[in-house]
């Protein structure tokens, strides 16, 4: 349930990548490939994997689990991983964008028009809603950007992931 960049940074050997944003596109292929196997969903902390779990249950997956604590818990346990280049997490990207929008909106309000204060105000409200609901709309939008997505031509079988199919 991690982005391709997050997966490339660190993943469990033998896992395949299935970003949450692409789950609907690959659900039927994953269901066929996972027949008779237990599917373990993994993300950074467990939140995206839990969302994927609920989606897959709706698709009829019977043997589906979420790795509690995500890849972080796996790493803390000292279990084996494959490592690649360092990637910027979606959460970090969201913090950067939110702070940049607040700074730009404030600067424009000081120089151009006080109406630009709506930008940092909206960002602040969005962050408050994200905290209350435990969902981040900005993060979901950032996950759809090209550097955070699998290529369109990629299939479930070829996807590098955070879904581990135990044999």
Protein backbone atom coordinates (compact mmCIF):
# COMPACT_ATOMS: atom_id res chain seq x y z
CA UNK A 1 0.00 0.00 0.00
CA UNK A 2 3.10 2.13 -0.23
CA UNK A 3 4.08 4.33 -3.13
CA UNK A 4 6.65 3.00 -5.62
CA UNK A 5 9.21 5.45 -4.18
CA UNK A 6 8.60 4.27 -0.60
CA UNK A 7 8.74 0.65 -1.72
CA UNK A 8 11.98 1.24 -3.61
CA UNK A 9 13.56 2.65 -0.46
CA UNK A 10 12.83 -0.41 1.70
CA UNK A 11 10.61 -3.47 1.29
CA UNK A 12 10.21 -7.02 2.50
CA UNK A 13 11.90 -9.57 0.22
CA UNK A 14 9.38 -11.34 -2.01
CA UNK A 15 6.74 -8.63 -1.69
CA UNK A 16 5.03 -6.88 -4.59
CA UNK A 17 4.05 -3.21 -4.76
CA UNK A 18 0.39 -2.26 -4.87
CA UNK A 19 -0.03 1.44 -4.00
CA UNK A 20 -3.41 2.18 -2.41
CA UNK A 21 -4.25 4.58 -5.26
CA UNK A 22 -3.85 1.66 -7.73
CA UNK A 23 -5.63 -1.02 -5.72
CA UNK A 24 -8.93 -0.73 -7.58
CA UNK A 25 -7.13 -1.09 -10.91
CA UNK A 26 -5.40 -4.33 -9.87
CA UNK A 27 -7.95 -5.84 -7.41
CA UNK A 28 -9.26 -8.57 -9.73
CA UNK A 29 -5.74 -9.53 -10.88
CA UNK A 30 -4.54 -9.59 -7.27
CA UNK A 31 -7.52 -11.73 -6.25
CA UNK A 32 -6.68 -14.32 -8.94
CA UNK A 33 -2.97 -14.28 -8.07
CA UNK A 34 -3.62 -14.57 -4.33
CA UNK A 35 -6.06 -17.49 -4.57
CA UNK A 36 -5.35 -19.88 -1.72
CA UNK A 37 -2.71 -17.59 -0.20
CA UNK A 38 -2.76 -15.27 2.75
CA UNK A 39 -2.38 -11.60 1.75
CA UNK A 40 -0.57 -9.34 4.21
CA UNK A 41 -1.01 -5.62 3.61
CA UNK A 42 1.85 -3.33 4.58
CA UNK A 43 2.33 0.42 4.52
CA UNK A 44 4.57 2.74 6.53
CA UNK A 45 2.45 2.80 9.69
CA UNK A 46 -0.66 0.72 9.02
CA UNK A 47 -3.20 3.42 8.08
CA UNK A 48 -3.14 2.93 4.29
CA UNK A 49 -2.97 -0.84 4.73
CA UNK A 50 -6.11 -0.69 6.91
CA UNK A 51 -7.91 1.31 4.20
CA UNK A 52 -6.81 -1.29 1.63
CA UNK A 53 -7.96 -4.08 3.95
CA UNK A 54 -11.46 -2.61 4.06
CA UNK A 55 -11.48 -2.19 0.26
CA UNK A 56 -10.29 -5.76 -0.33
CA UNK A 57 -12.85 -7.19 2.09
CA UNK A 58 -15.48 -5.48 -0.05
CA UNK A 59 -13.95 -7.18 -3.11
CA UNK A 60 -14.35 -10.60 -1.47
CA UNK A 61 -10.82 -11.29 -0.20
CA UNK A 62 -11.07 -13.81 2.64
CA UNK A 63 -7.45 -14.29 3.75
CA UNK A 64 -6.29 -10.72 4.21
CA UNK A 65 -4.31 -9.26 7.14
CA UNK A 66 -2.68 -5.93 8.01
CA UNK A 67 0.89 -5.89 9.36
CA UNK A 68 0.44 -3.98 12.61
CA UNK A 69 2.89 -1.08 12.79
CA UNK A 70 3.72 -1.33 9.09
CA UNK A 71 7.21 -1.57 7.65
CA UNK A 72 8.49 0.39 10.66
CA UNK A 73 7.52 -2.45 13.01
CA UNK A 74 9.14 -4.96 10.63
CA UNK A 75 12.37 -2.94 10.69
CA UNK A 76 12.29 -2.54 14.48
CA UNK A 77 11.99 -6.32 14.81
CA UNK A 78 15.21 -6.64 12.79
CA UNK A 79 13.56 -8.74 10.10
CA UNK A 80 15.09 -8.91 6.59
CA UNK A 81 14.45 -6.15 4.05
CA UNK A 82 15.69 -5.09 0.63
CA UNK A 83 16.97 -1.51 0.56
CA UNK A 84 17.22 0.91 -2.33
CA UNK A 85 17.58 4.68 -2.65
CA UNK A 86 16.09 7.04 -0.05
CA UNK A 87 12.64 8.39 -0.98
CA UNK A 88 10.58 11.26 0.38
CA UNK A 89 7.45 10.01 2.19
CA UNK A 90 3.98 11.26 1.27
CA UNK A 91 3.64 12.71 4.78
CA UNK A 92 6.83 14.73 4.36
CA UNK A 93 5.68 15.93 0.92
CA UNK A 94 2.34 17.01 2.46
CA UNK A 95 4.12 18.97 5.21
CA UNK A 96 6.30 20.73 2.64
CA UNK A 97 3.34 21.65 0.42
CA UNK A 98 1.20 22.83 3.36
CA UNK A 99 3.96 25.04 4.73
CA UNK A 100 4.81 26.42 1.28
CA UNK A 101 1.16 27.30 0.61
CA UNK A 102 0.88 29.00 4.02
CA UNK A 103 4.07 31.00 3.44
CA UNK A 104 3.14 32.00 -0.12
CA UNK A 105 -0.39 32.96 0.91
CA UNK A 106 0.90 35.06 3.81
CA UNK A 107 3.48 36.81 1.62
CA UNK A 108 0.88 37.55 -1.07
CA UNK A 109 -1.51 38.86 1.60
CA UNK A 110 1.17 41.26 2.85
CA UNK A 111 2.15 42.48 -0.62
CA UNK A 112 -0.85 42.08 -2.93
CA UNK A 113 -4.17 41.67 -1.11
CA UNK A 114 -5.40 40.50 2.29
CA UNK A 115 -7.69 38.08 0.43
CA UNK A 116 -4.65 35.83 0.00
CA UNK A 117 -4.96 35.05 3.73
CA UNK A 118 -7.61 32.57 2.60
CA UNK A 119 -4.79 30.28 1.38
CA UNK A 120 -3.11 29.72 4.77
CA UNK A 121 -6.55 29.69 6.40
CA UNK A 122 -7.72 26.88 4.13
CA UNK A 123 -4.47 24.97 4.65
CA UNK A 124 -4.87 25.30 8.42
CA UNK A 125 -8.48 24.08 8.26
CA UNK A 126 -7.41 21.17 6.07
CA UNK A 127 -4.73 20.18 8.58
CA UNK A 128 -7.27 20.39 11.40
CA UNK A 129 -9.72 18.16 9.50
CA UNK A 130 -6.87 15.74 8.72
CA UNK A 131 -6.06 15.52 12.42
CA UNK A 132 -9.68 15.01 13.46
CA UNK A 133 -10.55 12.44 10.77
CA UNK A 134 -7.11 10.77 10.56
CA UNK A 135 -7.19 11.16 6.77
CA UNK A 136 -5.12 13.52 4.65
CA UNK A 137 -6.68 14.71 1.42
CA UNK A 138 -3.46 16.47 0.43
CA UNK A 139 -1.54 13.22 0.97
CA UNK A 140 -4.03 11.31 -1.17
CA UNK A 141 -3.64 13.91 -3.93
CA UNK A 142 0.16 13.83 -3.68
CA UNK A 143 0.08 10.01 -3.94
CA UNK A 144 -1.42 10.45 -7.42
CA UNK A 145 1.53 12.50 -8.71
CA UNK A 146 3.74 10.72 -11.27
CA UNK A 147 6.77 10.22 -9.00
CA UNK A 148 4.55 8.56 -6.36
CA UNK A 149 2.69 6.18 -8.72
CA UNK A 150 3.40 2.96 -10.54
CA UNK A 151 3.60 3.26 -14.33
CA UNK A 152 0.22 2.81 -16.09
CA UNK A 153 1.49 -0.18 -18.06
CA UNK A 154 2.53 -2.04 -14.91
CA UNK A 155 0.49 -5.10 -14.00
CA UNK A 156 0.02 -6.61 -10.59
CA UNK A 157 2.37 -9.47 -11.45
CA UNK A 158 5.12 -7.11 -12.61
CA UNK A 159 4.62 -4.49 -9.91
CA UNK A 160 7.54 -4.20 -7.43
CA UNK A 161 4.95 -3.95 -3.49
CA UNK A 162 3.80 -3.73 -0.12
CA UNK A 163 1.47 -6.68 -0.45
CA UNK A 164 3.17 -9.89 0.62
CA UNK A 165 1.79 -13.12 -0.75
CA UNK A 166 2.81 -16.00 1.52
CA UNK A 167 3.20 -19.33 -0.19
